[in-house]
Amino acid sequence: MTNLIIFTSISGLLFLIVGLVVGYVFFKSSTEKN
């Protein structure tokens, strides 16, 4: 049960980091186009 909680928290952190990176790259590319 503890492994499931750790796996869920790690997956949440990875998802959050990936979201931030994708958002930053998208924002940077959109500002360069203008």
N, C-alpha and C. Protein backbone atom coordinates (compact mmCIF):
# COMPACT_ATOMS: atom_id res chain seq x y z
N MET A 1 0.84 -1.20 0.00
CA MET A 1 0.00 0.00 0.00
C MET A 1 0.87 1.25 0.00
N THR A 2 1.98 1.19 0.73
CA THR A 2 2.88 2.35 0.78
C THR A 2 3.50 2.60 -0.60
N ASN A 3 3.83 1.52 -1.31
CA ASN A 3 4.42 1.68 -2.64
C ASN A 3 3.45 2.39 -3.58
N LEU A 4 2.15 2.10 -3.44
CA LEU A 4 1.14 2.73 -4.30
C LEU A 4 1.09 4.23 -4.04
N ILE A 5 1.17 4.61 -2.76
CA ILE A 5 1.13 6.04 -2.41
C ILE A 5 2.36 6.75 -2.96
N ILE A 6 3.52 6.13 -2.83
CA ILE A 6 4.76 6.72 -3.34
C ILE A 6 4.70 6.85 -4.86
N PHE A 7 4.20 5.80 -5.52
CA PHE A 7 4.10 5.81 -6.98
C PHE A 7 3.16 6.90 -7.44
N THR A 8 2.05 7.08 -6.72
CA THR A 8 1.06 8.11 -7.09
C THR A 8 1.64 9.50 -6.93
N SER A 9 2.36 9.73 -5.83
CA SER A 9 2.94 11.05 -5.59
C SER A 9 4.04 11.36 -6.61
N ILE A 10 4.85 10.35 -6.95
CA ILE A 10 5.91 10.56 -7.94
C ILE A 10 5.29 10.84 -9.31
N SER A 11 4.23 10.10 -9.66
CA SER A 11 3.57 10.31 -10.95
C SER A 11 2.98 11.71 -11.00
N GLY A 12 2.41 12.18 -9.89
CA GLY A 12 1.84 13.52 -9.84
C GLY A 12 2.91 14.58 -10.03
N LEU A 13 4.06 14.39 -9.41
CA LEU A 13 5.16 15.35 -9.54
C LEU A 13 5.68 15.37 -10.97
N LEU A 14 5.84 14.19 -11.57
CA LEU A 14 6.33 14.12 -12.96
C LEU A 14 5.34 14.79 -13.90
N PHE A 15 4.03 14.54 -13.67
CA PHE A 15 3.01 15.14 -14.52
C PHE A 15 3.03 16.66 -14.40
N LEU A 16 3.25 17.15 -13.17
CA LEU A 16 3.29 18.60 -12.94
C LEU A 16 4.51 19.21 -13.62
N ILE A 17 5.67 18.54 -13.50
CA ILE A 17 6.90 19.05 -14.11
C ILE A 17 6.77 19.07 -15.64
N VAL A 18 6.23 17.99 -16.20
CA VAL A 18 6.05 17.92 -17.66
C VAL A 18 5.10 19.01 -18.12
N GLY A 19 4.04 19.25 -17.35
CA GLY A 19 3.08 20.29 -17.70
C GLY A 19 3.72 21.67 -17.71
N LEU A 20 4.57 21.91 -16.71
CA LEU A 20 5.25 23.21 -16.64
C LEU A 20 6.22 23.38 -17.81
N VAL A 21 6.95 22.33 -18.14
CA VAL A 21 7.92 22.41 -19.24
C VAL A 21 7.20 22.64 -20.57
N VAL A 22 6.13 21.88 -20.81
CA VAL A 22 5.37 22.02 -22.06
C VAL A 22 4.77 23.42 -22.15
N GLY A 23 4.23 23.91 -21.03
CA GLY A 23 3.64 25.25 -21.03
C GLY A 23 4.69 26.31 -21.30
N TYR A 24 5.87 26.14 -20.71
CA TYR A 24 6.96 27.11 -20.91
C TYR A 24 7.43 27.11 -22.36
N VAL A 25 7.60 25.93 -22.93
CA VAL A 25 8.06 25.82 -24.32
C VAL A 25 7.01 26.40 -25.26
N PHE A 26 5.73 26.11 -24.99
CA PHE A 26 4.65 26.63 -25.84
C PHE A 26 4.59 28.15 -25.75
N PHE A 27 4.74 28.68 -24.54
CA PHE A 27 4.71 30.14 -24.34
C PHE A 27 5.91 30.79 -25.02
N LYS A 28 7.08 30.17 -24.91
CA LYS A 28 8.29 30.72 -25.51
C LYS A 28 8.19 30.71 -27.03
N SER A 29 7.68 29.63 -27.59
CA SER A 29 7.56 29.53 -29.05
C SER A 29 6.51 30.50 -29.58
N SER A 30 5.44 30.69 -28.82
CA SER A 30 4.38 31.60 -29.28
C SER A 30 4.85 33.05 -29.23
N THR A 31 5.71 33.39 -28.27
CA THR A 31 6.21 34.76 -28.18
C THR A 31 7.26 35.02 -29.26
N GLU A 32 7.99 33.98 -29.66
CA GLU A 32 9.02 34.16 -30.69
C GLU A 32 8.37 34.35 -32.06
N LYS A 33 7.20 33.75 -32.27
CA LYS A 33 6.51 33.86 -33.56
C LYS A 33 6.05 35.29 -33.80
N ASN A 34 5.60 35.96 -32.75
CA ASN A 34 5.06 37.32 -32.92
C ASN A 34 6.16 38.33 -33.19
